[in-house]
Amino acid sequence: MKFGYARVSKNDQSLDIQMQKLQAAGCDEILMEKASGAKDDRKELNRLLDKIPSLVSTMKSKILIERFITFQDSKKYME
């Protein structure tokens, strides 16, 4: 199952373009909300994260590993 999340910061902004792209990407379920990025309490994002906790952990680990590898590679060029 593919999940998507769309967010805009202000009520006068539209989610339409994000929704079209998520649908085109084949998302089965799309959660959306209008909430500031500075807010910690984003109900729909938290709902999404609750649905996929093990996937999120795996993705966070992968991102950290990729960042570390990229950092290590960049150090070679700085020497």
PDB file of N, CA and C in Angstrom:
ATOM      1  N   MET A   1       0.847  -1.177   0.000  1.00  0.00           N
ATOM      2  CA  MET A   1       0.000   0.000   0.000  1.00  0.00           C
ATOM      3  C   MET A   1       0.890   1.236   0.000  1.00  0.00           C
ATOM      4  N   LYS A   2       0.546   2.205  -0.827  1.00  0.00           N
ATOM      5  CA  LYS A   2       1.294   3.457  -0.929  1.00  0.00           C
ATOM      6  C   LYS A   2       0.515   4.574  -0.249  1.00  0.00           C
ATOM      7  N   PHE A   3       1.195   5.270   0.674  1.00  0.00           N
ATOM      8  CA  PHE A   3       0.586   6.385   1.377  1.00  0.00           C
ATOM      9  C   PHE A   3       1.170   7.695   0.856  1.00  0.00           C
ATOM     10  N   GLY A   4       0.367   8.741   0.894  1.00  0.00           N
ATOM     11  CA  GLY A   4       0.835  10.064   0.519  1.00  0.00           C
ATOM     12  C   GLY A   4       0.401  11.076   1.560  1.00  0.00           C
ATOM     13  N   TYR A   5       1.130  12.178   1.629  1.00  0.00           N
ATOM     14  CA  TYR A   5       0.809  13.253   2.574  1.00  0.00           C
ATOM     15  C   TYR A   5       0.982  14.584   1.865  1.00  0.00           C
ATOM     16  N   ALA A   6      -0.057  15.378   1.895  1.00  0.00           N
ATOM     17  CA  ALA A   6      -0.019  16.703   1.278  1.00  0.00           C
ATOM     18  C   ALA A   6      -0.349  17.737   2.346  1.00  0.00           C
ATOM     19  N   ARG A   7       0.421  18.839   2.321  1.00  0.00           N
ATOM     20  CA  ARG A   7       0.193  19.883   3.317  1.00  0.00           C
ATOM     21  C   ARG A   7       0.475  21.244   2.717  1.00  0.00           C
ATOM     22  N   VAL A   8      -0.344  22.191   3.078  1.00  0.00           N
ATOM     23  CA  VAL A   8      -0.072  23.589   2.789  1.00  0.00           C
ATOM     24  C   VAL A   8      -0.146  24.346   4.105  1.00  0.00           C
ATOM     25  N   SER A   9       0.521  25.495   4.143  1.00  0.00           N
ATOM     26  CA  SER A   9       0.617  26.243   5.391  1.00  0.00           C
ATOM     27  C   SER A   9      -0.589  27.137   5.663  1.00  0.00           C
ATOM     28  N   LYS A  10      -1.182  27.644   4.618  1.00  0.00           N
ATOM     29  CA  LYS A  10      -2.246  28.630   4.805  1.00  0.00           C
ATOM     30  C   LYS A  10      -3.551  28.163   4.189  1.00  0.00           C
ATOM     31  N   ASN A  11      -4.648  28.622   4.771  1.00  0.00           N
ATOM     32  CA  ASN A  11      -5.969  28.215   4.288  1.00  0.00           C
ATOM     33  C   ASN A  11      -6.245  28.658   2.860  1.00  0.00           C
ATOM     34  N   ASP A  12      -5.620  29.738   2.414  1.00  0.00           N
ATOM     35  CA  ASP A  12      -5.886  30.211   1.048  1.00  0.00           C
ATOM     36  C   ASP A  12      -5.023  29.515  -0.002  1.00  0.00           C
ATOM     37  N   GLN A  13      -4.161  28.585   0.430  1.00  0.00           N
ATOM     38  CA  GLN A  13      -3.347  27.807  -0.509  1.00  0.00           C
ATOM     39  C   GLN A  13      -4.100  26.544  -0.908  1.00  0.00           C
ATOM     40  N   SER A  14      -3.781  26.034  -2.087  1.00  0.00           N
ATOM     41  CA  SER A  14      -4.473  24.856  -2.611  1.00  0.00           C
ATOM     42  C   SER A  14      -3.601  23.602  -2.521  1.00  0.00           C
ATOM     43  N   LEU A  15      -4.259  22.508  -2.228  1.00  0.00           N
ATOM     44  CA  LEU A  15      -3.599  21.198  -2.191  1.00  0.00           C
ATOM     45  C   LEU A  15      -3.663  20.491  -3.541  1.00  0.00           C
ATOM     46  N   ASP A  16      -4.313  21.098  -4.517  1.00  0.00           N
ATOM     47  CA  ASP A  16      -4.608  20.429  -5.785  1.00  0.00           C
ATOM     48  C   ASP A  16      -3.380  19.843  -6.490  1.00  0.00           C
ATOM     49  N   ILE A  17      -2.316  20.615  -6.638  1.00  0.00           N
ATOM     50  CA  ILE A  17      -1.139  20.138  -7.378  1.00  0.00           C
ATOM     51  C   ILE A  17      -0.488  18.972  -6.642  1.00  0.00           C
ATOM     52  N   GLN A  18      -0.361  19.094  -5.323  1.00  0.00           N
ATOM     53  CA  GLN A  18       0.223  17.994  -4.541  1.00  0.00           C
ATOM     54  C   GLN A  18      -0.637  16.734  -4.663  1.00  0.00           C
ATOM     55  N   MET A  19      -1.952  16.908  -4.596  1.00  0.00           N
ATOM     56  CA  MET A  19      -2.863  15.763  -4.698  1.00  0.00           C
ATOM     57  C   MET A  19      -2.725  15.085  -6.064  1.00  0.00           C
ATOM     58  N   GLN A  20      -2.642  15.874  -7.127  1.00  0.00           N
ATOM     59  CA  GLN A  20      -2.492  15.309  -8.471  1.00  0.00           C
ATOM     60  C   GLN A  20      -1.207  14.502  -8.566  1.00  0.00           C
ATOM     61  N   LYS A  21      -0.121  15.037  -8.014  1.00  0.00           N
ATOM     62  CA  LYS A  21       1.162  14.334  -8.090  1.00  0.00           C
ATOM     63  C   LYS A  21       1.146  13.058  -7.257  1.00  0.00           C
ATOM     64  N   LEU A  22       0.533  13.097  -6.095  1.00  0.00           N
ATOM     65  CA  LEU A  22       0.457  11.896  -5.259  1.00  0.00           C
ATOM     66  C   LEU A  22      -0.424  10.829  -5.914  1.00  0.00           C
ATOM     67  N   GLN A  23      -1.525  11.249  -6.533  1.00  0.00           N
ATOM     68  CA  GLN A  23      -2.386  10.303  -7.249  1.00  0.00           C
ATOM     69  C   GLN A  23      -1.647   9.716  -8.442  1.00  0.00           C
ATOM     70  N   ALA A  24      -0.904  10.550  -9.165  1.00  0.00           N
ATOM     71  CA  ALA A  24      -0.136  10.074 -10.317  1.00  0.00           C
ATOM     72  C   ALA A  24       0.962   9.107  -9.874  1.00  0.00           C
ATOM     73  N   ALA A  25       1.455   9.286  -8.660  1.00  0.00           N
ATOM     74  CA  ALA A  25       2.490   8.390  -8.127  1.00  0.00           C
ATOM     75  C   ALA A  25       1.897   7.074  -7.644  1.00  0.00           C
ATOM     76  N   GLY A  26       0.576   6.968  -7.685  1.00  0.00           N
ATOM     77  CA  GLY A  26      -0.072   5.705  -7.329  1.00  0.00           C
ATOM     78  C   GLY A  26      -0.376   5.534  -5.858  1.00  0.00           C
ATOM     79  N   CYS A  27      -0.511   6.627  -5.130  1.00  0.00           N
ATOM     80  CA  CYS A  27      -0.836   6.522  -3.702  1.00  0.00           C
ATOM     81  C   CYS A  27      -2.244   5.968  -3.534  1.00  0.00           C
ATOM     82  N   ASP A  28      -2.359   4.980  -2.654  1.00  0.00           N
ATOM     83  CA  ASP A  28      -3.650   4.367  -2.365  1.00  0.00           C
ATOM     84  C   ASP A  28      -4.435   5.190  -1.351  1.00  0.00           C
ATOM     85  N   GLU A  29      -3.706   5.809  -0.434  1.00  0.00           N
ATOM     86  CA  GLU A  29      -4.342   6.630   0.590  1.00  0.00           C
ATOM     87  C   GLU A  29      -3.536   7.917   0.731  1.00  0.00           C
ATOM     88  N   ILE A  30      -4.232   9.037   0.668  1.00  0.00           N
ATOM     89  CA  ILE A  30      -3.573  10.339   0.777  1.00  0.00           C
ATOM     90  C   ILE A  30      -4.185  11.090   1.947  1.00  0.00           C
ATOM     91  N   LEU A  31      -3.332  11.487   2.860  1.00  0.00           N
ATOM     92  CA  LEU A  31      -3.768  12.303   3.982  1.00  0.00           C
ATOM     93  C   LEU A  31      -3.346  13.729   3.702  1.00  0.00           C
ATOM     94  N   MET A  32      -4.212  14.678   4.007  1.00  0.00           N
ATOM     95  CA  MET A  32      -3.903  16.064   3.689  1.00  0.00           C
ATOM     96  C   MET A  32      -4.367  16.972   4.810  1.00  0.00           C
ATOM     97  N   GLU A  33      -3.661  18.109   4.911  1.00  0.00           N
ATOM     98  CA  GLU A  33      -4.071  19.083   5.909  1.00  0.00           C
ATOM     99  C   GLU A  33      -3.512  20.458   5.578  1.00  0.00           C
ATOM    100  N   LYS A  34      -4.137  21.435   6.194  1.00  0.00           N
ATOM    101  CA  LYS A  34      -3.666  22.812   6.098  1.00  0.00           C
ATOM    102  C   LYS A  34      -3.186  23.178   7.492  1.00  0.00           C
ATOM    103  N   ALA A  35      -1.855  23.209   7.633  1.00  0.00           N
ATOM    104  CA  ALA A  35      -1.254  23.489   8.932  1.00  0.00           C
ATOM    105  C   ALA A  35       0.142  24.030   8.719  1.00  0.00           C
ATOM    106  N   SER A  36       0.544  24.918   9.573  1.00  0.00           N
ATOM    107  CA  SER A  36       1.872  25.503   9.474  1.00  0.00           C
ATOM    108  C   SER A  36       2.942  24.440   9.656  1.00  0.00           C
ATOM    109  N   GLY A  37       4.028  24.560   8.888  1.00  0.00           N
ATOM    110  CA  GLY A  37       5.153  23.637   9.035  1.00  0.00           C
ATOM    111  C   GLY A  37       5.842  23.792  10.369  1.00  0.00           C
ATOM    112  N   ALA A  38       5.647  24.936  11.011  1.00  0.00           N
ATOM    113  CA  ALA A  38       6.264  25.179  12.315  1.00  0.00           C
ATOM    114  C   ALA A  38       5.510  24.475  13.441  1.00  0.00           C
ATOM    115  N   LYS A  39       4.280  24.069  13.164  1.00  0.00           N
ATOM    116  CA  LYS A  39       3.487  23.386  14.188  1.00  0.00           C
ATOM    117  C   LYS A  39       3.984  21.953  14.374  1.00  0.00           C
ATOM    118  N   ASP A  40       4.110  21.557  15.625  1.00  0.00           N
ATOM    119  CA  ASP A  40       4.493  20.173  15.916  1.00  0.00           C
ATOM    120  C   ASP A  40       3.306  19.230  15.831  1.00  0.00           C
ATOM    121  N   ASP A  41       2.120  19.749  16.105  1.00  0.00           N
ATOM    122  CA  ASP A  41       0.938  18.903  16.142  1.00  0.00           C
ATOM    123  C   ASP A  41       0.216  18.945  14.801  1.00  0.00           C
ATOM    124  N   ARG A  42       0.622  18.050  13.919  1.00  0.00           N
ATOM    125  CA  ARG A  42      -0.050  17.917  12.628  1.00  0.00           C
ATOM    126  C   ARG A  42      -0.809  16.602  12.659  1.00  0.00           C
ATOM    127  N   LYS A  43      -2.116  16.694  12.833  1.00  0.00           N
ATOM    128  CA  LYS A  43      -2.951  15.505  13.056  1.00  0.00           C
ATOM    129  C   LYS A  43      -2.826  14.479  11.939  1.00  0.00           C
ATOM    130  N   GLU A  44      -2.910  14.918  10.696  1.00  0.00           N
ATOM    131  CA  GLU A  44      -2.876  13.964   9.582  1.00  0.00           C
ATOM    132  C   GLU A  44      -1.492  13.339   9.410  1.00  0.00           C
ATOM    133  N   LEU A  45      -0.444  14.113   9.603  1.00  0.00           N
ATOM    134  CA  LEU A  45       0.907  13.557   9.530  1.00  0.00           C
ATOM    135  C   LEU A  45       1.098  12.525  10.635  1.00  0.00           C
ATOM    136  N   ASN A  46       0.639  12.827  11.832  1.00  0.00           N
ATOM    137  CA  ASN A  46       0.744  11.869  12.934  1.00  0.00           C
ATOM    138  C   ASN A  46      -0.068  10.611  12.655  1.00  0.00           C
ATOM    139  N   ARG A  47      -1.246  10.777  12.048  1.00  0.00           N
ATOM    140  CA  ARG A  47      -2.054   9.594  11.659  1.00  0.00           C
ATOM    141  C   ARG A  47      -1.288   8.723  10.671  1.00  0.00           C
ATOM    142  N   LEU A  48      -0.641   9.377   9.704  1.00  0.00           N
ATOM    143  CA  LEU A  48       0.140   8.648   8.711  1.00  0.00           C
ATOM    144  C   LEU A  48       1.293   7.909   9.377  1.00  0.00           C
ATOM    145  N   LEU A  49       2.006   8.591  10.252  1.00  0.00           N
ATOM    146  CA  LEU A  49       3.145   7.962  10.928  1.00  0.00           C
ATOM    147  C   LEU A  49       2.701   6.803  11.817  1.00  0.00           C
ATOM    148  N   ASP A  50       1.510   6.904  12.409  1.00  0.00           N
ATOM    149  CA  ASP A  50       0.973   5.796  13.213  1.00  0.00           C
ATOM    150  C   ASP A  50       0.679   4.573  12.356  1.00  0.00           C
ATOM    151  N   LYS A  51       0.315   4.801  11.100  1.00  0.00           N
ATOM    152  CA  LYS A  51      -0.012   3.692  10.209  1.00  0.00           C
ATOM    153  C   LYS A  51       1.232   2.911   9.782  1.00  0.00           C
ATOM    154  N   ILE A  52       2.372   3.583   9.754  1.00  0.00           N
ATOM    155  CA  ILE A  52       3.560   2.951   9.188  1.00  0.00           C
ATOM    156  C   ILE A  52       4.798   3.096  10.088  1.00  0.00           C
ATOM    157  N   PRO A  53       4.693   2.783  11.379  1.00  0.00           N
ATOM    158  CA  PRO A  53       5.835   3.016  12.268  1.00  0.00           C
ATOM    159  C   PRO A  53       7.092   2.240  11.891  1.00  0.00           C
ATOM    160  N   SER A  54       6.968   1.003  11.503  1.00  0.00           N
ATOM    161  CA  SER A  54       8.170   0.235  11.176  1.00  0.00           C
ATOM    162  C   SER A  54       8.800   0.736   9.879  1.00  0.00           C
ATOM    163  N   LEU A  55       7.995   1.142   8.935  1.00  0.00           N
ATOM    164  CA  LEU A  55       8.513   1.687   7.684  1.00  0.00           C
ATOM    165  C   LEU A  55       9.243   3.002   7.950  1.00  0.00           C
ATOM    166  N   VAL A  56       8.677   3.830   8.819  1.00  0.00           N
ATOM    167  CA  VAL A  56       9.307   5.107   9.142  1.00  0.00           C
ATOM    168  C   VAL A  56      10.669   4.869   9.785  1.00  0.00           C
ATOM    169  N   SER A  57      10.748   3.920  10.699  1.00  0.00           N
ATOM    170  CA  SER A  57      12.025   3.617  11.335  1.00  0.00           C
ATOM    171  C   SER A  57      13.039   3.162  10.304  1.00  0.00           C
ATOM    172  N   THR A  58      12.604   2.313   9.394  1.00  0.00           N
ATOM    173  CA  THR A  58      13.487   1.823   8.345  1.00  0.00           C
ATOM    174  C   THR A  58      13.951   2.971   7.455  1.00  0.00           C
ATOM    175  N   MET A  59      13.028   3.852   7.088  1.00  0.00           N
ATOM    176  CA  MET A  59      13.377   4.967   6.222  1.00  0.00           C
ATOM    177  C   MET A  59      14.318   5.935   6.928  1.00  0.00           C
ATOM    178  N   LYS A  60      14.052   6.219   8.222  1.00  0.00           N
ATOM    179  CA  LYS A  60      14.934   7.111   8.968  1.00  0.00           C
ATOM    180  C   LYS A  60      16.342   6.534   9.023  1.00  0.00           C
ATOM    181  N   SER A  61      16.434   5.233   9.259  1.00  0.00           N
ATOM    182  CA  SER A  61      17.748   4.587   9.303  1.00  0.00           C
ATOM    183  C   SER A  61      18.440   4.703   7.959  1.00  0.00           C
ATOM    184  N   LYS A  62      17.691   4.464   6.888  1.00  0.00           N
ATOM    185  CA  LYS A  62      18.266   4.534   5.550  1.00  0.00           C
ATOM    186  C   LYS A  62      18.747   5.942   5.239  1.00  0.00           C
ATOM    187  N   ILE A  63      17.967   6.944   5.600  1.00  0.00           N
ATOM    188  CA  ILE A  63      18.351   8.332   5.353  1.00  0.00           C
ATOM    189  C   ILE A  63      19.613   8.672   6.133  1.00  0.00           C
ATOM    190  N   LEU A  64      19.680   8.247   7.396  1.00  0.00           N
ATOM    191  CA  LEU A  64      20.870   8.523   8.202  1.00  0.00           C
ATOM    192  C   LEU A  64      22.102   7.853   7.599  1.00  0.00           C
ATOM    193  N   ILE A  65      21.944   6.617   7.138  1.00  0.00           N
ATOM    194  CA  ILE A  65      23.066   5.900   6.534  1.00  0.00           C
ATOM    195  C   ILE A  65      23.508   6.608   5.252  1.00  0.00           C
ATOM    196  N   GLU A  66      22.536   7.017   4.420  1.00  0.00           N
ATOM    197  CA  GLU A  66      22.869   7.703   3.175  1.00  0.00           C
ATOM    198  C   GLU A  66      23.576   9.029   3.454  1.00  0.00           C
ATOM    199  N   ARG A  67      23.115   9.756   4.466  1.00  0.00           N
ATOM    200  CA  ARG A  67      23.763  11.025   4.809  1.00  0.00           C
ATOM    201  C   ARG A  67      25.186  10.780   5.288  1.00  0.00           C
ATOM    202  N   PHE A  68      25.383   9.748   6.086  1.00  0.00           N
ATOM    203  CA  PHE A  68      26.711   9.436   6.601  1.00  0.00           C
ATOM    204  C   PHE A  68      27.654   9.081   5.448  1.00  0.00           C
ATOM    205  N   ILE A  69      27.164   8.245   4.535  1.00  0.00           N
ATOM    206  CA  ILE A  69      27.992   7.842   3.391  1.00  0.00           C
ATOM    207  C   ILE A  69      28.337   9.065   2.550  1.00  0.00           C
ATOM    208  N   THR A  70      27.342   9.919   2.295  1.00  0.00           N
ATOM    209  CA  THR A  70      27.583  11.131   1.515  1.00  0.00           C
ATOM    210  C   THR A  70      28.604  12.017   2.218  1.00  0.00           C
ATOM    211  N   PHE A  71      28.470  12.143   3.531  1.00  0.00           N
ATOM    212  CA  PHE A  71      29.420  12.955   4.298  1.00  0.00           C
ATOM    213  C   PHE A  71      30.824  12.363   4.206  1.00  0.00           C
ATOM    214  N   GLN A  72      30.929  11.046   4.345  1.00  0.00           N
ATOM    215  CA  GLN A  72      32.234  10.402   4.268  1.00  0.00           C
ATOM    216  C   GLN A  72      32.849  10.592   2.884  1.00  0.00           C
ATOM    217  N   ASP A  73      32.039  10.471   1.856  1.00  0.00           N
ATOM    218  CA  ASP A  73      32.527  10.671   0.486  1.00  0.00           C
ATOM    219  C   ASP A  73      32.983  12.111   0.273  1.00  0.00           C
ATOM    220  N   SER A  74      32.252  13.062   0.827  1.00  0.00           N
ATOM    221  CA  SER A  74      32.625  14.463   0.635  1.00  0.00           C
ATOM    222  C   SER A  74      33.909  14.800   1.372  1.00  0.00           C
ATOM    223  N   LYS A  75      34.180  14.098   2.459  1.00  0.00           N
ATOM    224  CA  LYS A  75      35.432  14.348   3.197  1.00  0.00           C
ATOM    225  C   LYS A  75      36.650  14.005   2.337  1.00  0.00           C
ATOM    226  N   LYS A  76      36.523  13.031   1.459  1.00  0.00           N
ATOM    227  CA  LYS A  76      37.628  12.648   0.586  1.00  0.00           C
ATOM    228  C   LYS A  76      38.059  13.816  -0.281  1.00  0.00           C
ATOM    229  N   TYR A  77      37.061  14.612  -0.723  1.00  0.00           N
ATOM    230  CA  TYR A  77      37.365  15.714  -1.615  1.00  0.00           C
ATOM    231  C   TYR A  77      37.859  16.953  -0.873  1.00  0.00           C
ATOM    232  N   MET A  78      37.647  16.982   0.442  1.00  0.00           N
ATOM    233  CA  MET A  78      38.089  18.125   1.229  1.00  0.00           C
ATOM    234  C   MET A  78      39.521  17.970   1.720  1.00  0.00           C
ATOM    235  N   GLU A  79      40.063  16.776   1.628  1.00  0.00           N
ATOM    236  CA  GLU A  79      41.414  16.523   2.131  1.00  0.00           C
ATOM    237  C   GLU A  79      42.477  17.055   1.177  1.00  0.00           C
TER     238      GLU A  79
END
